Amino acid sequence: MRYSRKPKGSASGQPVLGRSGARNLSRFMGVAAGALLVAGCALTPKPFTTEERWAEAQSDKEEIFADQEPVSRPLTLNEAFARALKYNLDGRVKALEQALSVNDLDLSRYDLLPKLAVDGLASTRNRFDASSSESIQTRQQSLVPSTSSDLNRFTGDLTLSWNILDFGVSYFSARQEADRVLIAQEERRKAVQTLLQDVRRAYWRAAAAQRLTNDVKAAIRAAEGALPSARKVETEGLKSPIDSLRYQKALLDAIRQLETNEQLLAISKDELASLINLPPGEPYSIAVPSEASMRLEPMKIPVSQMESTALLLNPDIRDLSYEARISVAETRKALLKLLPGISLSADPNVDSNSFLVHHYWVAGAARLNGYLSNLLTAPVVIPQRQNAEKLAVLKRQAMSMAILAKLHIAYQQYFSSIKEYDRVKQLSSVDQRLYTQIANRTATDVQGDLERILAQASAVDSKLRLFQSYAEAQEALGRLYATVGVDFLHEDVETLSVAALGDAIRRTNIDLSAKANLDLSHDQEAQPSWSETRDQSGGSPARATSFAEGEGSLSVAQFQQLANQ
């Protein structure tokens, strides 16, 4: 007889959900709606409260200066370098960025491994998964309602899959991450070089502030003290009005210049404190060297060697070299993505269904898949990647040219700063002797006081310009070192104390304020010219790069040794 279908629902023809089921479903929908409403309310903007911001600010302030060794003695230049390397926050940021790039590289290595996925499912139902069959010819029931699945069931599988195309792409991605680690290292090198260059300049300005602040204030007081007398001379007509006004103008000009210098000196120590991460306003002193030891040594290294060294070690050039290699790897990835992929998989399975003959089995598969549209994009992708590689190389070449020009400029600036320092030193000596002569002279008239005060102001100003000129020369030297790509230290700054770090810098650095042995009081014409120094190549440029083999860096001491090759 023809099978008569029952209404959809249970085997008995009743609806699957009774009244209790409908109530449970309604409750579930209500809970879900409430959860969605709460989630929607949670997405509204919620700014920090004043108390939260205050607590955060206080916490940041404590952490910024936490675990720092106090300044217990006058600060030398090497110790300032050490504190900047160890405590400067910008340096910490670069160090953490480098560590983060290493973490990214470690993560990218896991992409090379086959994919291993675990899947487990426990299921239950209140009615059997039963069904019957119907003949498509006679439309009669050919099978009584039956089931092949338990009400309570557990299934699981462990799938190991490996896509050869994905492996190739992941391999080149890992190589790119490795190059990005090296780029982060170069960025940190550049940041350290720039930081120490700033510290060098700020240190000598702070030294000038410590040495000359009292002298500047004394000169200002002397000039301001002479102003009432000058006005009295004008009002009483003791001198001609023109002479009296010229006298007052000279005093006011001297006061204005001295006050300008005083303002510059007032912020010098704060600038250095910010670079070495000292709390603002914390008092500290500078180990100011004697003026006799403040000497500058001309660069004796042939320019051709400096050019070769800069092209090899400059962090900007090395950065773009790695970028070019990343571009090549990106081309390889693009070409691989055009190919069809082959996937291999193997997965053991388990199923608790009692109707199964085998509850445990292993399945394997091999699949080949690809997109035909890749064939259409290939004529566009390949030239695009070739142009990207050419662009990366051209950027590196442009940077190399810019670095060579920067090297020439820094070289000339350093020699010019040496000459300028020598002239300022001679002028300061003359002003000091002139002030001594005028001060020792017995003078009771107003004109004599004016001459003495102006001589005092000129002597103080010359002394300040002497320190400023020396600071500019040190800055030019640091700029030359940074352009060449010279590193100041190779030790791990995190594991060394400030004293040990400063001593390590002292051993690797040429501190020109203490170790220079060239007396620049003789004529500067003895210095070699740019063209003469450039022609003194003294051998193969490979000598200039021999120190960098292995570590890819060059210390200041090694850089100075190039002059003896």
Protein backbone atom coordinates (compact mmCIF):
# COMPACT_ATOMS: atom_id res chain seq x y z
CA MET A 1 0.00 0.00 0.00
CA ARG A 2 1.09 3.62 -0.53
CA TYR A 3 2.92 5.16 2.38
CA SER A 4 0.97 8.01 3.95
CA ARG A 5 3.25 10.77 5.24
CA LYS A 6 2.72 12.11 8.71
CA PRO A 7 2.92 15.76 9.55
CA LYS A 8 6.36 17.20 10.15
CA GLY A 9 7.46 16.69 13.70
CA SER A 10 8.00 13.62 15.76
CA ALA A 11 7.55 10.04 14.72
CA SER A 12 4.11 10.12 16.32
CA GLY A 13 3.10 13.13 14.27
CA GLN A 14 3.18 15.58 17.24
CA PRO A 15 5.08 18.87 17.07
CA VAL A 16 8.69 18.67 18.17
CA LEU A 17 8.30 21.54 20.63
CA GLY A 18 5.67 21.31 23.31
CA ARG A 19 4.53 24.08 25.61
CA SER A 20 7.52 23.70 27.89
CA GLY A 21 9.83 23.79 24.88
CA ALA A 22 8.20 26.96 23.64
CA ARG A 23 8.60 28.58 27.05
CA ASN A 24 12.27 27.61 27.17
CA LEU A 25 12.81 29.02 23.70
CA SER A 26 11.16 32.28 24.72
CA ARG A 27 13.36 32.53 27.78
CA PHE A 28 16.45 31.89 25.71
CA MET A 29 15.49 34.59 23.22
CA GLY A 30 14.88 37.02 26.06
CA VAL A 31 18.28 36.33 27.61
CA ALA A 32 19.96 36.71 24.21
CA ALA A 33 18.19 40.02 23.59
CA GLY A 34 19.24 41.30 27.01
CA ALA A 35 22.85 40.30 26.37
CA LEU A 36 22.84 42.14 23.04
CA LEU A 37 21.39 45.23 24.72
CA VAL A 38 24.08 45.20 27.41
CA ALA A 39 26.79 44.73 24.78
CA GLY A 40 25.43 47.68 22.80
CA CYS A 41 25.47 49.93 25.86
CA ALA A 42 29.07 48.92 26.60
CA LEU A 43 30.24 50.37 23.26
CA THR A 44 29.53 53.98 24.21
CA PRO A 45 32.62 56.26 24.62
CA LYS A 46 33.89 56.32 28.18
CA PRO A 47 36.65 58.88 28.87
CA PHE A 48 39.04 58.52 31.77
CA THR A 49 38.00 60.22 34.96
CA THR A 50 40.19 62.83 36.59
CA GLU A 51 41.10 60.38 39.34
CA GLU A 52 42.11 57.71 36.81
CA ARG A 53 44.25 60.16 34.83
CA TRP A 54 45.88 61.46 38.02
CA ALA A 55 46.71 57.94 39.18
CA GLU A 56 48.08 57.07 35.74
CA ALA A 57 50.20 60.25 35.63
CA GLN A 58 51.66 59.58 39.07
CA SER A 59 52.40 55.97 38.14
CA ASP A 60 54.11 57.04 34.90
CA LYS A 61 56.18 59.64 36.74
CA GLU A 62 57.40 57.05 39.21
CA GLU A 63 58.22 54.49 36.52
CA ILE A 64 60.06 57.02 34.32
CA PHE A 65 62.70 57.62 36.98
CA ALA A 66 62.57 54.22 38.71
CA ASP A 67 65.64 52.03 39.13
CA GLN A 68 68.07 54.80 38.18
CA GLU A 69 71.43 55.26 39.83
CA PRO A 70 71.67 58.70 41.46
CA VAL A 71 74.24 61.23 40.31
CA SER A 72 76.66 61.16 43.21
CA ARG A 73 79.61 62.99 41.66
CA PRO A 74 80.35 65.55 38.94
CA LEU A 75 79.22 64.21 35.60
CA THR A 76 81.84 63.48 32.96
CA LEU A 77 81.10 63.28 29.25
CA ASN A 78 81.48 59.50 29.22
CA GLU A 79 79.10 59.15 32.16
CA ALA A 80 76.61 61.39 30.38
CA PHE A 81 76.88 59.07 27.38
CA ALA A 82 76.34 56.08 29.67
CA ARG A 83 73.26 57.55 31.32
CA ALA A 84 71.78 58.49 27.96
CA LEU A 85 72.32 54.97 26.61
CA LYS A 86 70.89 53.36 29.72
CA TYR A 87 68.02 55.64 30.76
CA ASN A 88 66.92 57.78 27.80
CA LEU A 89 63.27 56.97 27.08
CA ASP A 90 63.56 57.33 23.31
CA GLY A 91 66.40 54.82 23.44
CA ARG A 92 64.23 52.46 25.45
CA VAL A 93 61.50 52.78 22.83
CA LYS A 94 63.93 51.78 20.06
CA ALA A 95 65.23 48.88 22.14
CA LEU A 96 61.69 47.63 22.74
CA GLU A 97 60.83 48.03 19.06
CA GLN A 98 63.84 45.89 18.23
CA ALA A 99 62.73 43.27 20.76
CA LEU A 100 59.24 43.35 19.26
CA SER A 101 60.64 42.74 15.78
CA VAL A 102 62.49 39.70 17.14
CA ASN A 103 59.19 38.42 18.57
CA ASP A 104 57.56 38.87 15.16
CA LEU A 105 60.35 36.83 13.61
CA ASP A 106 59.85 34.05 16.15
CA LEU A 107 56.14 33.98 15.39
CA SER A 108 56.73 33.89 11.63
CA ARG A 109 58.81 30.72 12.01
CA TYR A 110 55.73 28.84 13.22
CA ASP A 111 54.03 29.58 9.89
CA LEU A 112 56.52 27.20 8.27
CA LEU A 113 55.16 24.25 10.24
CA PRO A 114 52.26 22.07 9.05
CA LYS A 115 48.87 23.06 10.39
CA LEU A 116 47.64 20.84 13.20
CA ALA A 117 43.97 21.20 14.10
CA VAL A 118 42.02 19.43 16.84
CA ASP A 119 38.24 19.19 16.59
CA GLY A 120 35.92 17.60 19.14
CA LEU A 121 32.13 17.67 19.23
CA ALA A 122 29.79 16.27 21.87
CA SER A 123 26.15 16.36 20.75
CA THR A 124 22.82 15.25 22.12
CA ARG A 125 19.21 15.38 20.94
CA ASN A 126 15.87 14.47 22.43
CA ARG A 127 14.63 12.44 19.44
CA PHE A 128 16.29 9.99 17.11
CA ASP A 129 17.64 11.14 13.79
CA ALA A 130 15.27 8.76 11.98
CA SER A 131 14.14 8.72 8.37
CA SER A 132 12.48 6.50 5.81
CA SER A 133 12.81 6.08 2.05
CA GLU A 134 10.42 6.32 -0.87
CA SER A 135 10.71 4.69 -4.25
CA ILE A 136 11.02 7.24 -7.02
CA GLN A 137 9.23 4.89 -9.40
CA THR A 138 6.29 3.61 -7.38
CA ARG A 139 6.22 6.41 -4.82
CA GLN A 140 5.79 3.70 -2.19
CA GLN A 141 7.65 3.49 1.10
CA SER A 142 10.64 1.25 0.59
CA LEU A 143 12.09 1.39 4.11
CA VAL A 144 10.54 1.59 7.52
CA PRO A 145 11.64 4.61 9.61
CA SER A 146 15.11 3.86 10.93
CA THR A 147 18.16 5.58 12.40
CA SER A 148 21.92 5.06 12.29
CA SER A 149 22.90 7.61 14.92
CA ASP A 150 22.83 7.60 18.72
CA LEU A 151 21.04 10.27 20.69
CA ASN A 152 24.27 11.07 22.56
CA ARG A 153 27.32 11.16 20.38
CA PHE A 154 30.96 12.30 20.46
CA THR A 155 33.12 12.87 17.39
CA GLY A 156 36.70 14.07 17.16
CA ASP A 157 39.55 14.34 14.71
CA LEU A 158 43.16 15.48 14.63
CA THR A 159 43.97 17.01 11.24
CA LEU A 160 47.55 17.50 10.04
CA SER A 161 47.67 19.51 6.82
CA TRP A 162 50.50 21.04 4.83
CA ASN A 163 50.14 23.37 1.86
CA ILE A 164 53.29 23.51 -0.23
CA LEU A 165 52.39 26.91 -1.67
CA ASP A 166 51.68 28.35 1.77
CA PHE A 167 55.00 26.96 2.97
CA GLY A 168 56.84 28.81 0.21
CA VAL A 169 55.02 32.06 0.94
CA SER A 170 55.63 31.66 4.68
CA TYR A 171 59.31 31.00 4.05
CA PHE A 172 59.78 34.28 2.21
CA SER A 173 57.64 36.07 4.81
CA ALA A 174 59.94 34.75 7.53
CA ARG A 175 62.95 36.01 5.59
CA GLN A 176 61.28 39.41 5.39
CA GLU A 177 60.71 39.42 9.14
CA ALA A 178 64.38 38.55 9.64
CA ASP A 179 65.33 41.55 7.52
CA ARG A 180 62.95 43.73 9.52
CA VAL A 181 64.81 42.67 12.67
CA LEU A 182 67.99 43.94 11.05
CA ILE A 183 66.21 47.14 10.03
CA ALA A 184 65.15 47.64 13.65
CA GLN A 185 68.78 47.19 14.69
CA GLU A 186 69.88 49.84 12.19
CA GLU A 187 67.16 52.19 13.39
CA ARG A 188 68.37 51.71 16.94
CA ARG A 189 71.96 52.37 15.83
CA LYS A 190 70.88 55.59 14.19
CA ALA A 191 68.87 56.61 17.26
CA VAL A 192 71.87 55.97 19.52
CA GLN A 193 74.19 57.94 17.25
CA THR A 194 71.76 60.86 17.15
CA LEU A 195 71.24 60.69 20.90
CA LEU A 196 74.94 60.74 21.70
CA GLN A 197 75.44 63.58 19.25
CA ASP A 198 72.81 65.59 21.13
CA VAL A 199 74.35 64.64 24.47
CA ARG A 200 77.77 65.78 23.30
CA ARG A 201 76.41 69.20 22.31
CA ALA A 202 74.24 69.61 25.42
CA TYR A 203 77.05 68.53 27.74
CA TRP A 204 79.41 71.29 26.66
CA ARG A 205 76.64 73.87 26.81
CA ALA A 206 75.86 72.72 30.34
CA ALA A 207 79.57 72.93 31.16
CA ALA A 208 79.58 76.52 29.90
CA ALA A 209 76.54 77.27 32.05
CA GLN A 210 78.18 75.88 35.17
CA ARG A 211 81.45 77.70 34.55
CA LEU A 212 80.11 81.09 33.43
CA THR A 213 76.69 81.67 35.03
CA ASN A 214 78.14 83.48 38.04
CA ASP A 215 80.45 85.55 35.83
CA VAL A 216 77.54 86.59 33.61
CA LYS A 217 75.42 87.59 36.60
CA ALA A 218 78.30 89.57 38.09
CA ALA A 219 78.82 91.44 34.82
CA ILE A 220 75.08 92.20 34.61
CA ARG A 221 75.07 93.55 38.17
CA ALA A 222 78.10 95.74 37.42
CA ALA A 223 76.53 97.14 34.27
CA GLU A 224 73.17 97.76 35.94
CA GLY A 225 74.96 99.43 38.85
CA ALA A 226 76.62 101.87 36.46
CA LEU A 227 73.36 102.94 34.82
CA PRO A 228 72.27 105.37 37.62
CA SER A 229 75.63 107.12 37.42
CA ALA A 230 75.30 107.41 33.66
CA ARG A 231 71.85 108.97 33.98
CA LYS A 232 73.14 111.33 36.67
CA VAL A 233 75.92 112.50 34.34
CA GLU A 234 73.30 113.27 31.69
CA THR A 235 70.94 115.15 34.02
CA GLU A 236 73.70 117.19 35.67
CA GLY A 237 75.32 118.02 32.35
CA LEU A 238 78.76 116.76 33.39
CA LYS A 239 79.34 115.58 29.83
CA SER A 240 77.87 116.44 26.49
CA PRO A 241 74.44 114.90 25.86
CA ILE A 242 75.78 112.85 22.97
CA ASP A 243 78.58 111.33 25.05
CA SER A 244 76.19 110.64 27.93
CA LEU A 245 73.70 108.89 25.65
CA ARG A 246 76.43 106.89 23.95
CA TYR A 247 77.61 105.81 27.39
CA GLN A 248 74.11 104.66 28.39
CA LYS A 249 73.60 102.92 25.04
CA ALA A 250 76.86 101.00 25.44
CA LEU A 251 75.80 99.87 28.91
CA LEU A 252 72.34 98.81 27.75
CA ASP A 253 73.78 96.91 24.77
CA ALA A 254 76.15 95.10 27.10
CA ILE A 255 73.31 94.26 29.51
CA ARG A 256 71.10 93.03 26.67
CA GLN A 257 73.82 90.73 25.33
CA LEU A 258 74.63 89.42 28.79
CA GLU A 259 70.96 88.75 29.58
CA THR A 260 70.59 86.88 26.28
CA ASN A 261 73.55 84.72 27.23
CA GLU A 262 72.10 84.23 30.71
CA GLN A 263 68.85 82.91 29.22
CA LEU A 264 70.75 80.45 27.04
CA LEU A 265 72.79 79.25 30.00
CA ALA A 266 69.69 78.86 32.18
CA ILE A 267 68.22 76.07 30.02
CA SER A 268 71.46 74.28 29.12
CA LYS A 269 71.53 71.96 32.11
CA ASP A 270 67.83 71.20 31.73
CA GLU A 271 68.44 70.10 28.12
CA LEU A 272 71.18 67.72 29.23
CA ALA A 273 69.02 66.44 32.10
CA SER A 274 66.23 65.54 29.68
CA LEU A 275 68.64 63.58 27.48
CA ILE A 276 70.05 61.55 30.38
CA ASN A 277 66.58 61.20 31.99
CA LEU A 278 67.21 63.11 35.20
CA PRO A 279 64.12 64.52 36.96
CA PRO A 280 63.50 68.16 35.97
CA GLY A 281 64.98 70.55 38.48
CA GLU A 282 67.22 67.97 40.14
CA PRO A 283 70.59 69.60 40.89
CA TYR A 284 73.74 68.06 39.45
CA SER A 285 77.20 69.25 38.55
CA ILE A 286 79.42 68.89 35.50
CA ALA A 287 83.06 67.82 35.67
CA VAL A 288 84.19 70.83 33.63
CA PRO A 289 87.71 70.27 32.25
CA SER A 290 90.31 72.98 32.28
CA GLU A 291 90.48 75.23 29.26
CA ALA A 292 94.00 74.00 28.56
CA SER A 293 92.65 70.48 27.96
CA MET A 294 89.90 71.66 25.62
CA ARG A 295 91.75 70.91 22.41
CA LEU A 296 90.58 69.65 19.06
CA GLU A 297 92.38 67.23 16.77
CA PRO A 298 91.98 67.45 12.99
CA MET A 299 90.78 64.31 11.25
CA LYS A 300 93.74 62.45 9.74
CA ILE A 301 91.78 59.65 8.07
CA PRO A 302 91.79 59.83 4.25
CA VAL A 303 88.43 60.85 2.89
CA SER A 304 88.35 57.90 0.50
CA GLN A 305 88.44 55.53 3.48
CA MET A 306 85.69 57.47 5.22
CA GLU A 307 83.57 57.27 2.07
CA SER A 308 84.03 53.50 1.84
CA THR A 309 83.26 53.10 5.53
CA ALA A 310 80.15 55.27 5.29
CA LEU A 311 78.82 53.31 2.32
CA LEU A 312 79.34 50.12 4.30
CA LEU A 313 78.20 51.10 7.80
CA ASN A 314 75.85 54.08 7.60
CA PRO A 315 72.55 52.90 9.14
CA ASP A 316 70.38 54.72 6.58
CA ILE A 317 72.08 52.92 3.69
CA ARG A 318 71.99 49.56 5.45
CA ASP A 319 68.31 50.12 6.22
CA LEU A 320 67.50 50.60 2.54
CA SER A 321 69.67 47.61 1.61
CA TYR A 322 67.46 45.42 3.77
CA GLU A 323 64.38 47.09 2.31
CA ALA A 324 65.63 46.14 -1.17
CA ARG A 325 66.06 42.55 -0.03
CA ILE A 326 62.53 42.60 1.39
CA SER A 327 61.30 43.80 -2.00
CA VAL A 328 63.04 40.86 -3.70
CA ALA A 329 61.37 38.45 -1.27
CA GLU A 330 58.03 40.11 -1.95
CA THR A 331 58.57 39.42 -5.66
CA ARG A 332 59.19 35.75 -4.92
CA LYS A 333 55.99 35.63 -2.88
CA ALA A 334 54.00 37.26 -5.68
CA LEU A 335 55.30 34.71 -8.19
CA LEU A 336 54.48 31.80 -5.89
CA LYS A 337 50.93 33.02 -5.42
CA LEU A 338 50.41 32.73 -9.18
CA LEU A 339 51.01 28.96 -9.01
CA PRO A 340 48.42 26.35 -8.01
CA GLY A 341 48.67 25.05 -4.49
CA ILE A 342 49.09 21.45 -3.39
CA SER A 343 47.64 20.50 -0.01
CA LEU A 344 48.42 17.27 1.81
CA SER A 345 46.44 16.21 4.85
CA ALA A 346 46.12 13.28 7.23
CA ASP A 347 43.69 13.07 10.09
CA PRO A 348 42.82 10.31 12.58
CA ASN A 349 39.13 10.29 13.53
CA VAL A 350 37.05 8.94 16.39
CA ASP A 351 33.27 8.56 16.57
CA SER A 352 31.31 7.08 19.49
CA ASN A 353 28.29 6.23 17.33
CA SER A 354 27.35 2.65 18.25
CA PHE A 355 25.93 1.97 14.79
CA LEU A 356 29.35 2.34 13.17
CA VAL A 357 31.41 -0.72 12.41
CA HIS A 358 34.71 1.15 12.94
CA HIS A 359 34.93 3.81 15.59
CA TYR A 360 38.54 4.78 14.80
CA TRP A 361 39.99 5.44 11.35
CA VAL A 362 42.61 7.55 9.57
CA ALA A 363 41.86 9.56 6.44
CA GLY A 364 44.27 11.20 4.01
CA ALA A 365 43.88 13.55 1.08
CA ALA A 366 45.84 15.41 -1.56
CA ARG A 367 44.32 18.45 -3.19
CA LEU A 368 45.38 20.68 -6.06
CA ASN A 369 43.70 24.04 -6.27
CA GLY A 370 44.37 27.35 -7.99
CA TYR A 371 42.68 30.39 -9.43
CA LEU A 372 42.55 30.76 -13.20
CA SER A 373 42.34 34.52 -12.71
CA ASN A 374 46.00 34.43 -11.61
CA LEU A 375 46.95 33.70 -15.19
CA LEU A 376 45.30 36.96 -16.21
CA THR A 377 47.06 39.04 -13.53
CA ALA A 378 50.53 37.57 -14.15
CA PRO A 379 51.41 40.01 -16.99
CA VAL A 380 50.66 42.86 -14.58
CA VAL A 381 52.11 41.45 -11.36
CA ILE A 382 55.53 40.56 -12.77
CA PRO A 383 56.38 44.03 -14.20
CA GLN A 384 54.97 45.67 -11.07
CA ARG A 385 57.29 43.68 -8.82
CA GLN A 386 60.26 44.30 -11.13
CA ASN A 387 59.65 48.04 -10.90
CA ALA A 388 59.34 47.76 -7.12
CA GLU A 389 62.76 46.09 -6.95
CA LYS A 390 64.28 48.78 -9.18
CA LEU A 391 62.72 51.47 -6.99
CA ALA A 392 64.22 49.95 -3.83
CA VAL A 393 67.67 49.85 -5.42
CA LEU A 394 67.31 53.42 -6.69
CA LYS A 395 66.32 54.61 -3.21
CA ARG A 396 69.45 53.00 -1.78
CA GLN A 397 71.63 54.61 -4.43
CA ALA A 398 70.02 58.00 -3.83
CA MET A 399 70.63 57.61 -0.10
CA SER A 400 74.26 56.64 -0.78
CA MET A 401 74.74 59.82 -2.77
CA ALA A 402 73.10 61.88 -0.03
CA ILE A 403 75.32 60.27 2.61
CA LEU A 404 78.47 61.00 0.60
CA ALA A 405 77.41 64.62 0.26
CA LYS A 406 76.59 64.74 3.97
CA LEU A 407 80.00 63.26 4.74
CA HIS A 408 81.77 65.95 2.73
CA ILE A 409 79.73 68.66 4.44
CA ALA A 410 80.36 67.22 7.92
CA TYR A 411 84.07 66.91 7.16
CA GLN A 412 84.33 70.53 6.07
CA GLN A 413 82.21 71.70 9.00
CA TYR A 414 84.51 69.96 11.44
CA PHE A 415 87.62 71.54 9.98
CA SER A 416 85.89 74.93 9.90
CA SER A 417 84.84 74.51 13.53
CA ILE A 418 88.45 73.75 14.50
CA LYS A 419 89.61 76.95 12.84
CA GLU A 420 86.74 78.90 14.39
CA TYR A 421 87.56 77.52 17.83
CA ASP A 422 91.20 78.51 17.45
CA ARG A 423 90.25 82.07 16.53
CA VAL A 424 87.74 82.35 19.37
CA LYS A 425 90.32 80.97 21.78
CA GLN A 426 92.81 83.64 20.72
CA LEU A 427 90.15 86.35 21.00
CA SER A 428 89.10 85.13 24.46
CA SER A 429 92.71 85.23 25.62
CA VAL A 430 93.08 88.81 24.37
CA ASP A 431 89.81 89.89 26.03
CA GLN A 432 90.83 88.32 29.33
CA ARG A 433 94.21 90.05 29.31
CA LEU A 434 92.62 93.33 28.25
CA TYR A 435 90.10 93.18 31.08
CA THR A 436 92.88 92.41 33.56
CA GLN A 437 94.86 95.43 32.40
CA ILE A 438 91.86 97.76 32.56
CA ALA A 439 90.71 96.44 35.94
CA ASN A 440 94.17 96.91 37.44
CA ARG A 441 94.29 100.48 36.23
CA THR A 442 93.26 103.14 38.76
CA ALA A 443 90.31 105.00 37.29
CA THR A 444 87.95 107.25 39.19
CA ASP A 445 86.02 108.88 36.37
CA VAL A 446 82.87 107.59 34.76
CA GLN A 447 84.59 106.92 31.48
CA GLY A 448 87.02 104.62 33.25
CA ASP A 449 84.16 102.70 34.85
CA LEU A 450 82.49 102.32 31.48
CA GLU A 451 85.66 100.99 29.91
CA ARG A 452 86.11 98.50 32.74
CA ILE A 453 82.50 97.30 32.65
CA LEU A 454 82.52 96.91 28.88
CA ALA A 455 85.81 95.04 29.06
CA GLN A 456 84.33 92.74 31.71
CA ALA A 457 81.24 92.08 29.60
CA SER A 458 83.38 91.44 26.52
CA ALA A 459 85.61 89.02 28.44
CA VAL A 460 82.62 87.06 29.73
CA ASP A 461 81.03 87.01 26.28
CA SER A 462 84.29 85.77 24.72
CA LYS A 463 84.58 83.03 27.31
CA LEU A 464 81.01 81.96 26.58
CA ARG A 465 81.64 81.95 22.83
CA LEU A 466 84.74 79.84 23.50
CA PHE A 467 82.62 77.13 25.14
CA GLN A 468 79.95 77.47 22.47
CA SER A 469 82.54 77.13 19.73
CA TYR A 470 83.95 74.04 21.40
CA ALA A 471 80.44 72.60 21.72
CA GLU A 472 79.81 73.25 18.02
CA ALA A 473 83.09 71.54 17.14
CA GLN A 474 82.13 68.53 19.26
CA GLU A 475 78.72 68.49 17.58
CA ALA A 476 80.38 68.58 14.15
CA LEU A 477 82.63 65.69 15.19
CA GLY A 478 79.63 63.70 16.38
CA ARG A 479 77.85 64.44 13.10
CA LEU A 480 80.89 63.17 11.20
CA TYR A 481 80.97 59.99 13.29
CA ALA A 482 77.24 59.44 12.75
CA THR A 483 77.53 59.97 8.99
CA VAL A 484 80.36 57.46 8.70
CA GLY A 485 78.34 55.01 10.82
CA VAL A 486 80.72 54.77 13.77
CA ASP A 487 79.35 53.04 16.87
CA PHE A 488 80.38 54.08 20.36
CA LEU A 489 79.71 50.87 22.22
CA HIS A 490 79.08 47.19 21.59
CA GLU A 491 78.27 45.98 25.12
CA ASP A 492 74.75 45.33 26.32
CA VAL A 493 73.76 48.50 28.15
CA GLU A 494 71.06 46.72 30.15
CA THR A 495 73.51 44.56 32.09
CA LEU A 496 76.11 47.22 32.94
CA SER A 497 76.06 49.82 35.67
CA VAL A 498 76.53 53.49 34.82
CA ALA A 499 80.13 53.38 36.05
CA ALA A 500 80.96 50.24 34.07
CA LEU A 501 79.21 51.59 31.01
CA GLY A 502 81.04 54.90 31.27
CA ASP A 503 84.35 53.08 31.62
CA ALA A 504 83.57 50.96 28.56
CA ILE A 505 82.81 54.10 26.58
CA ARG A 506 86.04 55.65 27.80
CA ARG A 507 87.97 52.65 26.49
CA THR A 508 86.30 52.67 23.09
CA ASN A 509 85.85 56.39 22.60
CA ILE A 510 88.39 59.09 21.85
CA ASP A 511 87.49 61.78 24.36
CA LEU A 512 88.97 64.81 22.65
CA SER A 513 88.55 66.96 25.73
CA ALA A 514 91.05 64.83 27.66
CA LYS A 515 93.18 62.92 25.15
CA ALA A 516 93.85 65.32 22.31
CA ASN A 517 97.54 66.08 21.97
CA LEU A 518 97.59 68.61 19.18
CA ASP A 519 98.29 72.24 20.08
CA LEU A 520 96.17 74.33 17.75
CA SER A 521 97.84 77.59 18.72
CA HIS A 522 100.09 77.37 15.67
CA ASP A 523 98.96 78.40 12.21
CA GLN A 524 96.05 76.39 10.78
CA GLU A 525 97.68 76.52 7.37
CA ALA A 526 99.56 73.39 8.39
CA GLN A 527 96.30 71.45 8.12
CA PRO A 528 95.83 69.48 4.90
CA SER A 529 93.24 70.77 2.48
CA TRP A 530 90.17 68.81 1.43
CA SER A 531 91.64 67.72 -1.88
CA GLU A 532 94.98 66.82 -0.31
CA THR A 533 93.33 64.72 2.38
CA ARG A 534 91.11 63.02 -0.18
CA ASP A 535 94.10 62.04 -2.32
CA GLN A 536 95.93 60.47 0.62
CA SER A 537 94.12 57.19 0.22
CA GLY A 538 97.00 55.18 1.58
CA GLY A 539 95.85 51.85 0.17
CA SER A 540 92.81 49.85 -0.69
CA PRO A 541 89.45 50.99 0.70
CA ALA A 542 89.02 47.43 1.94
CA ARG A 543 91.18 48.40 4.91
CA ALA A 544 88.50 50.81 6.04
CA THR A 545 85.96 48.00 6.14
CA SER A 546 88.06 45.26 7.69
CA PHE A 547 87.04 46.24 11.23
CA ALA A 548 83.38 45.79 10.37
CA GLU A 549 83.67 42.17 9.29
CA GLY A 550 81.65 39.87 11.49
CA GLU A 551 79.85 42.45 13.64
CA GLY A 552 79.03 44.96 10.91
CA SER A 553 80.00 47.89 13.13
CA LEU A 554 82.95 50.12 13.85
CA SER A 555 83.96 51.69 17.15
CA VAL A 556 85.44 55.15 17.53
CA ALA A 557 88.83 53.73 18.47
CA GLN A 558 88.84 51.49 15.39
CA PHE A 559 87.80 54.44 13.27
CA GLN A 560 90.72 56.47 14.59
CA GLN A 561 93.11 53.60 13.83
CA LEU A 562 92.32 53.95 10.14
CA ALA A 563 94.55 57.01 10.13
CA ASN A 564 97.55 54.81 10.93
CA GLN A 565 96.95 52.31 8.13
